């Protein structure tokens, strides 16, 4: 497939798998490569390992079963957030990337939904993320899934670009 060329349809047997530590050697280089192409922030291998070691069960990959190639990935975490009273369990979508030739087929939506479902299963109260204001495709994706803009973060990224913080409330805040 030529660079930048999009596929007409997804492989019918595309697999979505939960990350497992046994997959690190096979997939960590591909995860880093895919994410570094899409996200404006440079991350060291230690950042990836931190997320994948502690919250691998919340991270999902889209894999072409014929080639075992990584097509998409979502990397997340779940922690107690102390600034709310009472404290809440907050999910965080740290990184999402889909190979450019596979975009437009719902892979990112499926990956994010799987991550949200895994966070719900672990009793998360909310899920947050940041995305660049200029990333209209990501904004549409997250807003379709019910995320709301909660804050504009000026010059948030190292590049100086501005971000929105998006929040998906999973439980009523009325206590």
C-alpha atoms as a PDB file:
ATOM      1  CA  UNK A   1       0.000   0.000   0.000  1.00  0.00           C
ATOM      2  CA  UNK A   2       1.382   3.387  -1.002  1.00  0.00           C
ATOM      3  CA  UNK A   3       2.133   5.961   1.677  1.00  0.00           C
ATOM      4  CA  UNK A   4      -1.007   7.906   2.592  1.00  0.00           C
ATOM      5  CA  UNK A   5      -3.263   5.559   0.603  1.00  0.00           C
ATOM      6  CA  UNK A   6      -6.405   4.540   2.465  1.00  0.00           C
ATOM      7  CA  UNK A   7      -7.861   1.062   2.498  1.00  0.00           C
ATOM      8  CA  UNK A   8     -11.324   0.631   0.995  1.00  0.00           C
ATOM      9  CA  UNK A   9     -12.569  -1.664   3.749  1.00  0.00           C
ATOM     10  CA  UNK A  10     -11.318  -3.216   6.942  1.00  0.00           C
ATOM     11  CA  UNK A  11     -10.090  -6.783   7.068  1.00  0.00           C
ATOM     12  CA  UNK A  12     -13.197  -8.769   8.133  1.00  0.00           C
ATOM     13  CA  UNK A  13     -11.253 -10.475  10.905  1.00  0.00           C
ATOM     14  CA  UNK A  14      -9.632  -7.351  12.392  1.00  0.00           C
ATOM     15  CA  UNK A  15      -8.824  -8.101  16.027  1.00  0.00           C
ATOM     16  CA  UNK A  16      -9.121  -5.834  19.037  1.00  0.00           C
ATOM     17  CA  UNK A  17      -6.984  -7.137  21.852  1.00  0.00           C
ATOM     18  CA  UNK A  18      -6.266  -6.011  25.368  1.00  0.00           C
ATOM     19  CA  UNK A  19      -2.608  -5.213  25.946  1.00  0.00           C
ATOM     20  CA  UNK A  20      -0.696  -7.803  27.920  1.00  0.00           C
ATOM     21  CA  UNK A  21       2.852  -7.552  29.275  1.00  0.00           C
ATOM     22  CA  UNK A  22       3.844 -10.624  27.262  1.00  0.00           C
ATOM     23  CA  UNK A  23       3.252  -8.534  24.110  1.00  0.00           C
ATOM     24  CA  UNK A  24       5.778  -5.800  24.974  1.00  0.00           C
ATOM     25  CA  UNK A  25       8.662  -7.143  22.903  1.00  0.00           C
ATOM     26  CA  UNK A  26       6.420  -7.675  19.879  1.00  0.00           C
ATOM     27  CA  UNK A  27       4.337  -4.488  20.034  1.00  0.00           C
ATOM     28  CA  UNK A  28       6.016  -1.743  22.097  1.00  0.00           C
ATOM     29  CA  UNK A  29       8.217  -0.539  19.191  1.00  0.00           C
ATOM     30  CA  UNK A  30       5.148  -0.439  16.913  1.00  0.00           C
ATOM     31  CA  UNK A  31       3.094   1.383  19.577  1.00  0.00           C
ATOM     32  CA  UNK A  32       5.820   4.017  19.974  1.00  0.00           C
ATOM     33  CA  UNK A  33       6.183   4.434  16.218  1.00  0.00           C
ATOM     34  CA  UNK A  34       2.452   4.760  15.558  1.00  0.00           C
ATOM     35  CA  UNK A  35       1.871   7.232  18.386  1.00  0.00           C
ATOM     36  CA  UNK A  36       4.930   9.345  17.550  1.00  0.00           C
ATOM     37  CA  UNK A  37       3.580   9.866  14.014  1.00  0.00           C
ATOM     38  CA  UNK A  38       0.294  11.280  15.317  1.00  0.00           C
ATOM     39  CA  UNK A  39       0.856  13.057  18.612  1.00  0.00           C
ATOM     40  CA  UNK A  40       2.676  16.339  19.011  1.00  0.00           C
ATOM     41  CA  UNK A  41       4.304  15.406  22.327  1.00  0.00           C
ATOM     42  CA  UNK A  42       7.489  13.328  22.341  1.00  0.00           C
ATOM     43  CA  UNK A  43       7.358  10.481  24.855  1.00  0.00           C
ATOM     44  CA  UNK A  44      10.264   8.400  26.106  1.00  0.00           C
ATOM     45  CA  UNK A  45      10.035   4.629  26.298  1.00  0.00           C
ATOM     46  CA  UNK A  46       9.641   5.002  30.056  1.00  0.00           C
ATOM     47  CA  UNK A  47       6.344   6.860  29.659  1.00  0.00           C
ATOM     48  CA  UNK A  48       4.950   4.039  27.526  1.00  0.00           C
ATOM     49  CA  UNK A  49       6.190   1.403  29.953  1.00  0.00           C
ATOM     50  CA  UNK A  50       4.732   3.323  32.906  1.00  0.00           C
ATOM     51  CA  UNK A  51       1.238   3.311  31.391  1.00  0.00           C
ATOM     52  CA  UNK A  52       1.425  -0.198  29.944  1.00  0.00           C
ATOM     53  CA  UNK A  53       2.913  -1.761  33.083  1.00  0.00           C
ATOM     54  CA  UNK A  54       0.420  -0.225  35.515  1.00  0.00           C
ATOM     55  CA  UNK A  55      -2.715  -0.097  33.350  1.00  0.00           C
ATOM     56  CA  UNK A  56      -2.129  -2.555  30.519  1.00  0.00           C
ATOM     57  CA  UNK A  57      -5.596  -4.008  31.120  1.00  0.00           C
ATOM     58  CA  UNK A  58      -7.057  -0.617  30.123  1.00  0.00           C
ATOM     59  CA  UNK A  59      -5.048  -0.396  26.890  1.00  0.00           C
ATOM     60  CA  UNK A  60      -6.267  -1.892  23.623  1.00  0.00           C
ATOM     61  CA  UNK A  61      -4.776  -2.563  20.210  1.00  0.00           C
ATOM     62  CA  UNK A  62      -6.285  -3.132  16.771  1.00  0.00           C
ATOM     63  CA  UNK A  63      -4.313  -5.851  14.995  1.00  0.00           C
ATOM     64  CA  UNK A  64      -4.406  -7.200  11.451  1.00  0.00           C
ATOM     65  CA  UNK A  65      -4.543 -10.963  12.161  1.00  0.00           C
ATOM     66  CA  UNK A  66      -2.968 -11.910   8.819  1.00  0.00           C
ATOM     67  CA  UNK A  67       0.194  -9.856   9.344  1.00  0.00           C
ATOM     68  CA  UNK A  68       0.043  -9.208  13.128  1.00  0.00           C
ATOM     69  CA  UNK A  69       0.585  -5.542  12.231  1.00  0.00           C
ATOM     70  CA  UNK A  70      -0.517  -2.898  14.722  1.00  0.00           C
ATOM     71  CA  UNK A  71      -3.239  -0.744  13.161  1.00  0.00           C
ATOM     72  CA  UNK A  72      -4.357   1.274  16.181  1.00  0.00           C
ATOM     73  CA  UNK A  73      -3.812   1.670  19.906  1.00  0.00           C
ATOM     74  CA  UNK A  74      -5.290   3.468  22.899  1.00  0.00           C
ATOM     75  CA  UNK A  75      -3.222   3.934  26.085  1.00  0.00           C
ATOM     76  CA  UNK A  76      -4.958   4.875  29.347  1.00  0.00           C
ATOM     77  CA  UNK A  77      -4.770   4.986  33.112  1.00  0.00           C
ATOM     78  CA  UNK A  78      -7.152   5.009  36.072  1.00  0.00           C
ATOM     79  CA  UNK A  79      -6.358   6.740  39.368  1.00  0.00           C
ATOM     80  CA  UNK A  80      -8.019   8.277  42.377  1.00  0.00           C
ATOM     81  CA  UNK A  81      -8.514  11.998  41.805  1.00  0.00           C
ATOM     82  CA  UNK A  82      -8.249  13.838  45.128  1.00  0.00           C
ATOM     83  CA  UNK A  83      -9.437  17.293  44.086  1.00  0.00           C
ATOM     84  CA  UNK A  84     -13.068  16.223  44.195  1.00  0.00           C
ATOM     85  CA  UNK A  85     -14.871  15.719  47.485  1.00  0.00           C
ATOM     86  CA  UNK A  86     -15.334  12.850  47.912  1.00  0.00           C
ATOM     87  CA  UNK A  87     -12.398  11.666  45.776  1.00  0.00           C
ATOM     88  CA  UNK A  88     -13.319  10.159  42.403  1.00  0.00           C
ATOM     89  CA  UNK A  89     -11.881   7.388  40.296  1.00  0.00           C
ATOM     90  CA  UNK A  90     -10.721   9.149  37.129  1.00  0.00           C
ATOM     91  CA  UNK A  91      -9.871   7.438  33.875  1.00  0.00           C
ATOM     92  CA  UNK A  92      -7.466   9.179  31.549  1.00  0.00           C
ATOM     93  CA  UNK A  93      -7.042   8.593  27.826  1.00  0.00           C
ATOM     94  CA  UNK A  94      -3.376   9.421  27.363  1.00  0.00           C
ATOM     95  CA  UNK A  95      -2.727   8.390  23.763  1.00  0.00           C
ATOM     96  CA  UNK A  96      -4.812   7.293  20.790  1.00  0.00           C
ATOM     97  CA  UNK A  97      -3.483   6.603  17.314  1.00  0.00           C
ATOM     98  CA  UNK A  98      -4.672   4.774  14.201  1.00  0.00           C
ATOM     99  CA  UNK A  99      -2.543   4.147  11.131  1.00  0.00           C
ATOM    100  CA  UNK A 100      -3.428   6.808   8.560  1.00  0.00           C
ATOM    101  CA  UNK A 101      -4.372   4.259   5.886  1.00  0.00           C
ATOM    102  CA  UNK A 102      -6.993   2.702   8.189  1.00  0.00           C
ATOM    103  CA  UNK A 103      -8.714   5.896   9.356  1.00  0.00           C
ATOM    104  CA  UNK A 104     -12.380   6.525   8.736  1.00  0.00           C
ATOM    105  CA  UNK A 105     -13.492   2.976   9.541  1.00  0.00           C
ATOM    106  CA  UNK A 106     -14.399   3.384  13.223  1.00  0.00           C
ATOM    107  CA  UNK A 107     -11.233   1.833  14.649  1.00  0.00           C
ATOM    108  CA  UNK A 108     -10.522   4.778  16.975  1.00  0.00           C
ATOM    109  CA  UNK A 109     -14.147   4.777  18.146  1.00  0.00           C
ATOM    110  CA  UNK A 110     -13.981   1.051  18.929  1.00  0.00           C
ATOM    111  CA  UNK A 111     -10.655   1.400  20.757  1.00  0.00           C
ATOM    112  CA  UNK A 112     -11.906   4.303  22.889  1.00  0.00           C
ATOM    113  CA  UNK A 113     -15.199   2.527  23.634  1.00  0.00           C
ATOM    114  CA  UNK A 114     -13.314  -0.591  24.760  1.00  0.00           C
ATOM    115  CA  UNK A 115     -11.167   1.573  27.043  1.00  0.00           C
ATOM    116  CA  UNK A 116     -14.238   3.310  28.493  1.00  0.00           C
ATOM    117  CA  UNK A 117     -15.960  -0.051  29.044  1.00  0.00           C
ATOM    118  CA  UNK A 118     -12.868  -1.371  30.863  1.00  0.00           C
ATOM    119  CA  UNK A 119     -12.826   1.747  33.069  1.00  0.00           C
ATOM    120  CA  UNK A 120     -16.542   1.349  33.821  1.00  0.00           C
ATOM    121  CA  UNK A 121     -15.882  -2.282  34.805  1.00  0.00           C
ATOM    122  CA  UNK A 122     -13.316  -0.938  37.292  1.00  0.00           C
ATOM    123  CA  UNK A 123     -15.871   1.539  38.700  1.00  0.00           C
ATOM    124  CA  UNK A 124     -14.534   4.767  37.164  1.00  0.00           C
ATOM    125  CA  UNK A 125     -16.515   7.932  37.897  1.00  0.00           C
ATOM    126  CA  UNK A 126     -15.282   9.888  34.877  1.00  0.00           C
ATOM    127  CA  UNK A 127     -12.876   9.798  31.949  1.00  0.00           C
ATOM    128  CA  UNK A 128     -10.813  12.794  30.847  1.00  0.00           C
ATOM    129  CA  UNK A 129      -8.352  13.611  28.085  1.00  0.00           C
ATOM    130  CA  UNK A 130      -6.740  16.528  26.336  1.00  0.00           C
ATOM    131  CA  UNK A 131      -6.675  17.090  22.595  1.00  0.00           C
ATOM    132  CA  UNK A 132      -5.396  19.897  20.420  1.00  0.00           C
ATOM    133  CA  UNK A 133      -8.016  22.497  19.527  1.00  0.00           C
ATOM    134  CA  UNK A 134      -7.013  22.059  15.874  1.00  0.00           C
ATOM    135  CA  UNK A 135      -7.626  18.279  15.921  1.00  0.00           C
ATOM    136  CA  UNK A 136     -11.200  18.411  14.632  1.00  0.00           C
ATOM    137  CA  UNK A 137     -11.376  14.672  13.883  1.00  0.00           C
ATOM    138  CA  UNK A 138     -10.526  13.837  17.504  1.00  0.00           C
ATOM    139  CA  UNK A 139     -12.973  16.445  18.803  1.00  0.00           C
ATOM    140  CA  UNK A 140     -15.779  14.925  16.704  1.00  0.00           C
ATOM    141  CA  UNK A 141     -14.891  11.406  17.833  1.00  0.00           C
ATOM    142  CA  UNK A 142     -14.908  12.235  21.530  1.00  0.00           C
ATOM    143  CA  UNK A 143     -17.997  14.440  21.386  1.00  0.00           C
ATOM    144  CA  UNK A 144     -19.852  11.641  19.553  1.00  0.00           C
ATOM    145  CA  UNK A 145     -18.981   9.397  22.501  1.00  0.00           C
ATOM    146  CA  UNK A 146     -20.444  11.909  24.971  1.00  0.00           C
ATOM    147  CA  UNK A 147     -17.362  13.843  26.073  1.00  0.00           C
ATOM    148  CA  UNK A 148     -17.887  17.520  26.858  1.00  0.00           C
ATOM    149  CA  UNK A 149     -15.373  20.356  26.700  1.00  0.00           C
ATOM    150  CA  UNK A 150     -14.557  21.384  30.249  1.00  0.00           C
ATOM    151  CA  UNK A 151     -11.563  23.668  29.891  1.00  0.00           C
ATOM    152  CA  UNK A 152      -9.422  25.403  27.295  1.00  0.00           C
ATOM    153  CA  UNK A 153      -5.726  24.995  28.074  1.00  0.00           C
ATOM    154  CA  UNK A 154      -3.736  27.744  26.359  1.00  0.00           C
ATOM    155  CA  UNK A 155      -0.233  26.797  25.155  1.00  0.00           C
ATOM    156  CA  UNK A 156      -0.711  23.359  26.740  1.00  0.00           C
ATOM    157  CA  UNK A 157       1.621  21.412  24.467  1.00  0.00           C
ATOM    158  CA  UNK A 158       5.378  21.817  24.044  1.00  0.00           C
ATOM    159  CA  UNK A 159       4.689  23.106  20.534  1.00  0.00           C
ATOM    160  CA  UNK A 160       2.754  25.993  22.095  1.00  0.00           C
ATOM    161  CA  UNK A 161      -0.581  24.792  20.748  1.00  0.00           C
ATOM    162  CA  UNK A 162      -3.783  25.031  22.748  1.00  0.00           C
ATOM    163  CA  UNK A 163      -5.814  22.056  23.959  1.00  0.00           C
ATOM    164  CA  UNK A 164      -9.279  21.303  25.207  1.00  0.00           C
ATOM    165  CA  UNK A 165      -9.771  19.135  28.259  1.00  0.00           C
ATOM    166  CA  UNK A 166     -12.701  16.841  27.592  1.00  0.00           C
ATOM    167  CA  UNK A 167     -14.679  14.997  30.270  1.00  0.00           C
ATOM    168  CA  UNK A 168     -17.055  12.060  30.114  1.00  0.00           C
ATOM    169  CA  UNK A 169     -19.087  11.741  33.307  1.00  0.00           C
ATOM    170  CA  UNK A 170     -19.854   8.087  33.977  1.00  0.00           C
ATOM    171  CA  UNK A 171     -21.717   8.584  37.254  1.00  0.00           C
ATOM    172  CA  UNK A 172     -23.952  11.285  38.616  1.00  0.00           C
ATOM    173  CA  UNK A 173     -22.062  13.927  40.565  1.00  0.00           C
ATOM    174  CA  UNK A 174     -25.017  14.382  42.923  1.00  0.00           C
ATOM    175  CA  UNK A 175     -23.668  11.701  45.259  1.00  0.00           C
END
